């Protein structure tokens, strides 16, 4: 007696044959429909796709890194990415006091009296339009033996300005200071300080076109442009000379070669004349005799502007 076959099963081999034929027509060279890995043997793997598609991520990461480096070079006071700068004194026993955004009729003369009392020379980076408005203060700064630097005519952010525009700012400031000095060229600025410390690769071509010798930055920023209690500024100025207080290895000569601080302070406000800087005066009245007693030497920025450092 023949065993009966369930309905539908007798047609399964034929169905399989039809599937093979369909597969052979649609996927030439593939004979097994139930081997999906064979259907994909000529296609890139998921890992290969991941490697190919990762390139845009690498490019974006590289672009981001370059942008970060450029931003650091533009705003960091000690960066030399866009050209050489002065940002430390030659020795840790030296301090260079610098004052920005003057002259200021409400404060500059008082500051000059304090510096003279302690026999200290400093460097004043003047805004050209204020020098034009207060020529007597410009002459007083020079007559008392201090250096004068160029801080542009109107205190613009120079980062994205073209070379010709930066040169116009520097040239106008030079002219304002020179006129205030009565065309006494011995006191004409040889260094400039970019407003906010911001700069780009176009700064040095502009500096050379005007005849300046270099860029003066700083190692210590005291955030003194805002009116504040003098005690807060006194605390920040504790950092001056920290390098000199570090223990020296045995056998090393007493004189340090790591450089000392160039201190950024403000005797004016770039927005307007008459700024209140009593907190700056009080902080300096506290620290100047202490720095002098500690044996620090006070130098000006022009003294630091050796040919090996600037003008390269």
Protein backbone atom coordinates (compact mmCIF):
# COMPACT_ATOMS: atom_id res chain seq x y z
CA UNK A 1 0.00 0.00 0.00
CA UNK A 2 1.48 3.34 -1.06
CA UNK A 3 1.84 5.96 1.60
CA UNK A 4 -0.04 9.12 0.72
CA UNK A 5 1.79 12.40 0.37
CA UNK A 6 0.32 15.46 2.12
CA UNK A 7 -1.23 17.94 -0.24
CA UNK A 8 1.23 20.68 -1.30
CA UNK A 9 4.48 18.83 -0.46
CA UNK A 10 4.73 17.14 -3.84
CA UNK A 11 5.26 20.55 -5.49
CA UNK A 12 8.10 21.73 -3.22
CA UNK A 13 11.02 20.47 -5.39
CA UNK A 14 9.51 22.25 -8.37
CA UNK A 15 9.22 25.46 -6.33
CA UNK A 16 12.82 25.20 -5.30
CA UNK A 17 13.84 24.77 -8.95
CA UNK A 18 11.86 27.85 -9.93
CA UNK A 19 13.55 29.86 -7.19
CA UNK A 20 16.97 28.74 -8.36
CA UNK A 21 16.15 29.76 -11.92
CA UNK A 22 14.87 33.15 -10.77
CA UNK A 23 17.97 33.69 -8.68
CA UNK A 24 20.28 32.69 -11.51
CA UNK A 25 18.64 35.22 -13.82
CA UNK A 26 18.60 38.05 -11.31
CA UNK A 27 21.96 37.38 -9.65
CA UNK A 28 24.28 35.87 -12.29
CA UNK A 29 26.85 33.56 -10.81
CA UNK A 30 24.80 32.88 -7.66
CA UNK A 31 23.27 29.43 -7.47
CA UNK A 32 22.22 29.13 -3.86
CA UNK A 33 19.34 31.28 -2.76
CA UNK A 34 19.63 30.20 0.84
CA UNK A 35 23.20 31.48 1.20
CA UNK A 36 22.68 35.25 1.69
CA UNK A 37 26.38 35.73 2.33
CA UNK A 38 27.00 34.69 -1.29
CA UNK A 39 24.63 37.36 -2.55
CA UNK A 40 26.76 39.95 -0.78
CA UNK A 41 30.16 38.56 -1.62
CA UNK A 42 30.89 41.36 -4.15
CA UNK A 43 29.58 44.18 -1.94
CA UNK A 44 31.75 46.17 0.56
CA UNK A 45 31.42 45.08 4.16
CA UNK A 46 29.95 47.25 6.91
CA UNK A 47 33.45 47.83 8.31
CA UNK A 48 34.69 49.00 4.91
CA UNK A 49 31.73 51.38 4.64
CA UNK A 50 32.51 52.71 8.12
CA UNK A 51 36.11 53.35 7.12
CA UNK A 52 35.09 55.19 3.97
CA UNK A 53 32.40 57.25 5.67
CA UNK A 54 34.73 58.25 8.54
CA UNK A 55 36.80 60.54 6.32
CA UNK A 56 34.38 63.49 6.62
CA UNK A 57 34.64 63.13 10.39
CA UNK A 58 38.44 63.16 10.22
CA UNK A 59 38.36 66.23 8.00
CA UNK A 60 35.95 68.02 10.32
CA UNK A 61 38.10 67.15 13.33
CA UNK A 62 41.24 68.44 11.60
CA UNK A 63 39.49 71.66 10.61
CA UNK A 64 38.29 72.14 14.18
CA UNK A 65 41.80 71.58 15.53
CA UNK A 66 43.26 74.11 13.09
CA UNK A 67 40.59 76.65 14.05
CA UNK A 68 41.36 76.10 17.72
CA UNK A 69 45.08 76.64 17.19
CA UNK A 70 44.43 79.79 15.17
CA UNK A 71 42.12 81.13 17.90
CA UNK A 72 44.74 80.42 20.55
CA UNK A 73 47.39 82.16 18.44
CA UNK A 74 45.15 85.19 18.02
CA UNK A 75 44.33 85.77 21.71
CA UNK A 76 47.06 84.16 23.81
CA UNK A 77 49.47 86.76 25.19
CA UNK A 78 52.44 84.39 24.97
CA UNK A 79 51.66 82.94 21.53
CA UNK A 80 54.08 83.60 18.67
CA UNK A 81 52.03 81.81 16.03
CA UNK A 82 51.61 85.02 14.03
CA UNK A 83 55.04 86.49 14.70
CA UNK A 84 57.49 87.23 17.54
CA UNK A 85 56.31 89.08 20.63
CA UNK A 86 57.74 90.34 23.91
CA UNK A 87 55.90 88.60 26.73
CA UNK A 88 58.53 88.14 29.48
CA UNK A 89 61.50 90.08 30.77
CA UNK A 90 64.97 88.69 30.22
CA UNK A 91 65.42 87.50 33.81
CA UNK A 92 63.15 86.53 36.71
CA UNK A 93 64.64 89.33 38.80
CA UNK A 94 63.19 91.92 36.40
CA UNK A 95 59.70 93.43 36.29
CA UNK A 96 58.28 95.53 33.46
CA UNK A 97 55.25 97.62 34.42
CA UNK A 98 53.04 98.61 31.48
CA UNK A 99 49.93 100.78 31.39
CA UNK A 100 47.31 100.77 28.62
CA UNK A 101 44.50 103.01 27.34
CA UNK A 102 45.86 106.37 28.49
CA UNK A 103 46.60 109.13 28.83
CA UNK A 104 43.88 109.77 31.39
CA UNK A 105 43.58 113.27 32.93
CA UNK A 106 41.88 111.79 36.00
CA UNK A 107 44.72 109.45 36.91
CA UNK A 108 47.90 109.48 34.81
CA UNK A 109 49.58 112.38 36.64
CA UNK A 110 48.98 110.73 40.03
CA UNK A 111 50.49 107.51 38.72
CA UNK A 112 53.53 109.37 37.41
CA UNK A 113 54.06 110.94 40.84
CA UNK A 114 53.93 107.53 42.50
CA UNK A 115 56.41 106.01 40.04
CA UNK A 116 58.79 108.95 40.49
CA UNK A 117 58.63 108.60 44.26
CA UNK A 118 59.94 105.04 43.95
CA UNK A 119 62.29 105.86 41.06
CA UNK A 120 60.63 103.43 38.67
CA UNK A 121 60.36 103.72 34.90
CA UNK A 122 57.43 102.13 33.11
CA UNK A 123 55.93 101.91 29.62
CA UNK A 124 52.67 103.60 28.60
CA UNK A 125 50.78 102.30 25.56
CA UNK A 126 48.70 105.29 24.48
CA UNK A 127 45.49 105.46 22.46
CA UNK A 128 46.08 108.00 19.68
CA UNK A 129 42.83 109.93 20.05
CA UNK A 130 43.50 110.43 23.77
CA UNK A 131 47.06 111.54 23.06
CA UNK A 132 45.61 114.10 20.66
CA UNK A 133 43.16 115.28 23.36
CA UNK A 134 45.75 115.41 26.19
CA UNK A 135 49.12 116.38 24.67
CA UNK A 136 50.41 117.80 27.96
CA UNK A 137 50.12 114.36 29.58
CA UNK A 138 51.99 112.74 26.71
CA UNK A 139 54.84 115.20 27.18
CA UNK A 140 54.81 114.65 30.94
CA UNK A 141 55.16 110.88 30.47
CA UNK A 142 58.17 111.38 28.19
CA UNK A 143 59.75 114.11 30.32
CA UNK A 144 59.73 111.84 33.38
CA UNK A 145 61.75 109.19 31.54
CA UNK A 146 59.05 106.65 30.72
CA UNK A 147 58.63 104.82 27.41
CA UNK A 148 55.64 105.44 25.16
CA UNK A 149 54.09 102.72 23.01
CA UNK A 150 51.51 102.63 20.21
CA UNK A 151 48.07 101.25 21.18
CA UNK A 152 46.35 102.24 17.89
CA UNK A 153 44.36 105.37 17.20
CA UNK A 154 40.89 104.18 18.22
CA UNK A 155 41.48 100.87 20.07
CA UNK A 156 39.91 98.60 17.44
CA UNK A 157 39.99 94.80 17.45
CA UNK A 158 42.65 94.10 14.81
CA UNK A 159 42.01 90.36 14.38
CA UNK A 160 40.08 90.50 11.10
CA UNK A 161 41.15 93.88 9.75
CA UNK A 162 43.16 93.99 6.50
CA UNK A 163 46.78 95.08 6.50
CA UNK A 164 46.04 98.57 5.15
CA UNK A 165 43.42 99.23 7.86
CA UNK A 166 45.75 98.15 10.68
CA UNK A 167 48.53 100.27 9.19
CA UNK A 168 46.19 103.29 9.12
CA UNK A 169 45.40 102.79 12.83
CA UNK A 170 49.06 102.50 13.78
CA UNK A 171 50.15 105.39 11.58
CA UNK A 172 47.44 107.69 12.93
CA UNK A 173 48.45 106.86 16.51
CA UNK A 174 52.11 107.52 15.73
CA UNK A 175 51.16 110.88 14.28
CA UNK A 176 48.99 111.82 17.28
CA UNK A 177 51.79 110.98 19.73
CA UNK A 178 54.45 112.70 17.65
CA UNK A 179 52.40 115.89 17.44
CA UNK A 180 51.76 115.81 21.19
CA UNK A 181 55.51 115.49 21.79
CA UNK A 182 56.21 118.47 19.57
CA UNK A 183 57.84 116.20 16.97
CA UNK A 184 60.48 115.04 19.46
CA UNK A 185 61.35 111.81 17.67
CA UNK A 186 63.52 110.38 20.45
CA UNK A 187 60.35 109.55 22.40
CA UNK A 188 58.36 108.22 19.41
CA UNK A 189 57.01 104.68 19.97
CA UNK A 190 59.02 101.76 18.63
CA UNK A 191 56.67 99.05 19.95
CA UNK A 192 52.93 98.52 19.64
CA UNK A 193 50.44 96.59 21.72
CA UNK A 194 47.32 95.26 19.97
CA UNK A 195 44.04 96.23 21.67
CA UNK A 196 42.71 93.33 23.78
CA UNK A 197 45.88 91.46 22.76
CA UNK A 198 44.07 90.21 19.63
CA UNK A 199 46.12 89.80 16.47
CA UNK A 200 46.40 87.84 13.25
CA UNK A 201 48.96 87.06 10.54
CA UNK A 202 48.33 90.44 8.90
CA UNK A 203 49.65 92.39 11.92
CA UNK A 204 53.37 92.11 11.21
CA UNK A 205 53.18 93.39 7.60
CA UNK A 206 51.29 96.42 8.92
CA UNK A 207 53.88 96.98 11.68
CA UNK A 208 56.75 96.92 9.19
CA UNK A 209 54.99 99.31 6.84
CA UNK A 210 54.68 101.88 9.65
CA UNK A 211 58.27 101.47 10.84
CA UNK A 212 57.58 99.96 14.27
CA UNK A 213 59.95 97.34 15.66
CA UNK A 214 57.77 94.82 17.44
CA UNK A 215 54.76 93.62 19.42
CA UNK A 216 54.67 94.05 23.20
CA UNK A 217 52.46 91.59 25.06
CA UNK A 218 52.50 90.54 28.72
CA UNK A 219 52.86 87.60 31.09
CA UNK A 220 50.45 88.80 33.80
CA UNK A 221 47.02 90.29 33.21
CA UNK A 222 45.40 91.76 36.32
CA UNK A 223 41.82 92.42 35.10
CA UNK A 224 42.03 95.91 36.52
CA UNK A 225 39.97 97.66 33.82
CA UNK A 226 36.85 97.26 35.95
CA UNK A 227 36.41 99.36 39.09
CA UNK A 228 36.97 97.02 42.03
CA UNK A 229 38.24 96.93 45.61
CA UNK A 230 41.98 97.52 45.78
CA UNK A 231 42.37 94.36 47.89
CA UNK A 232 41.33 92.23 44.92
CA UNK A 233 44.03 93.71 42.69
CA UNK A 234 46.62 93.49 45.48
CA UNK A 235 45.87 89.76 45.68
CA UNK A 236 46.32 89.26 41.93
CA UNK A 237 49.63 91.08 41.97
CA UNK A 238 50.98 88.52 44.43
CA UNK A 239 51.80 86.44 41.37
CA UNK A 240 54.50 88.89 40.27
CA UNK A 241 57.90 87.33 40.68
CA UNK A 242 56.66 83.83 41.51
CA UNK A 243 59.30 82.35 39.21
CA UNK A 244 62.03 83.97 41.27
CA UNK A 245 60.71 82.36 44.44
CA UNK A 246 60.89 78.82 43.02
CA UNK A 247 63.69 76.72 44.59
CA UNK A 248 66.76 76.53 42.33
CA UNK A 249 68.49 73.17 41.68
CA UNK A 250 71.88 72.68 43.28
CA UNK A 251 74.76 73.99 41.22
CA UNK A 252 72.62 76.52 39.31
CA UNK A 253 73.81 80.10 39.46
CA UNK A 254 71.66 82.58 41.35
CA UNK A 255 70.65 84.51 38.22
CA UNK A 256 67.61 82.90 36.58
CA UNK A 257 67.13 82.65 32.84
CA UNK A 258 63.42 81.83 32.76
CA UNK A 259 62.29 85.42 32.41
CA UNK A 260 60.27 87.66 34.68
CA UNK A 261 56.88 89.29 34.46
CA UNK A 262 55.60 91.94 32.11
CA UNK A 263 52.60 93.26 34.03
CA UNK A 264 49.54 94.59 32.20
CA UNK A 265 47.75 97.41 34.04
CA UNK A 266 45.53 100.30 32.91
CA UNK A 267 45.77 104.01 33.62
CA UNK A 268 42.80 104.76 31.35
CA UNK A 269 39.73 103.33 29.67
CA UNK A 270 39.64 102.97 25.88
CA UNK A 271 35.96 103.97 25.81
CA UNK A 272 36.33 107.45 27.28
CA UNK A 273 38.58 109.82 29.21
CA UNK A 274 38.27 110.22 32.97
CA UNK A 275 38.21 106.56 34.07
CA UNK A 276 38.39 105.78 37.79
CA UNK A 277 41.68 103.96 38.48
CA UNK A 278 42.02 104.51 42.23
CA UNK A 279 42.22 100.76 42.82
CA UNK A 280 45.29 100.60 40.55
CA UNK A 281 46.99 103.41 42.44
CA UNK A 282 46.25 101.81 45.82
CA UNK A 283 47.54 98.40 44.72
CA UNK A 284 50.77 99.90 43.41
CA UNK A 285 51.26 101.96 46.58
CA UNK A 286 51.17 98.63 48.42
CA UNK A 287 53.44 96.63 46.10
CA UNK A 288 56.07 99.03 44.72
CA UNK A 289 58.08 99.37 47.96
CA UNK A 290 57.78 95.64 48.61
CA UNK A 291 59.04 94.73 45.14
CA UNK A 292 61.88 97.20 45.50
CA UNK A 293 62.82 95.80 48.93
CA UNK A 294 62.76 92.28 47.49
CA UNK A 295 65.48 93.28 45.04
CA UNK A 296 63.51 93.38 41.80
CA UNK A 297 64.86 95.47 38.93
CA UNK A 298 62.34 97.56 36.99
CA UNK A 299 62.84 97.71 33.22
CA UNK A 300 60.98 99.31 30.32
CA UNK A 301 59.75 97.60 27.18
CA UNK A 302 62.24 99.46 25.00
CA UNK A 303 65.05 97.98 27.07
CA UNK A 304 63.70 94.52 26.26
CA UNK A 305 63.31 95.22 22.56
CA UNK A 306 66.62 93.68 21.46
CA UNK A 307 67.05 92.99 17.74
CA UNK A 308 67.12 89.25 18.41
CA UNK A 309 63.59 89.38 19.85
CA UNK A 310 61.74 91.79 17.59
CA UNK A 311 61.86 92.75 13.97
CA UNK A 312 62.56 89.23 12.69
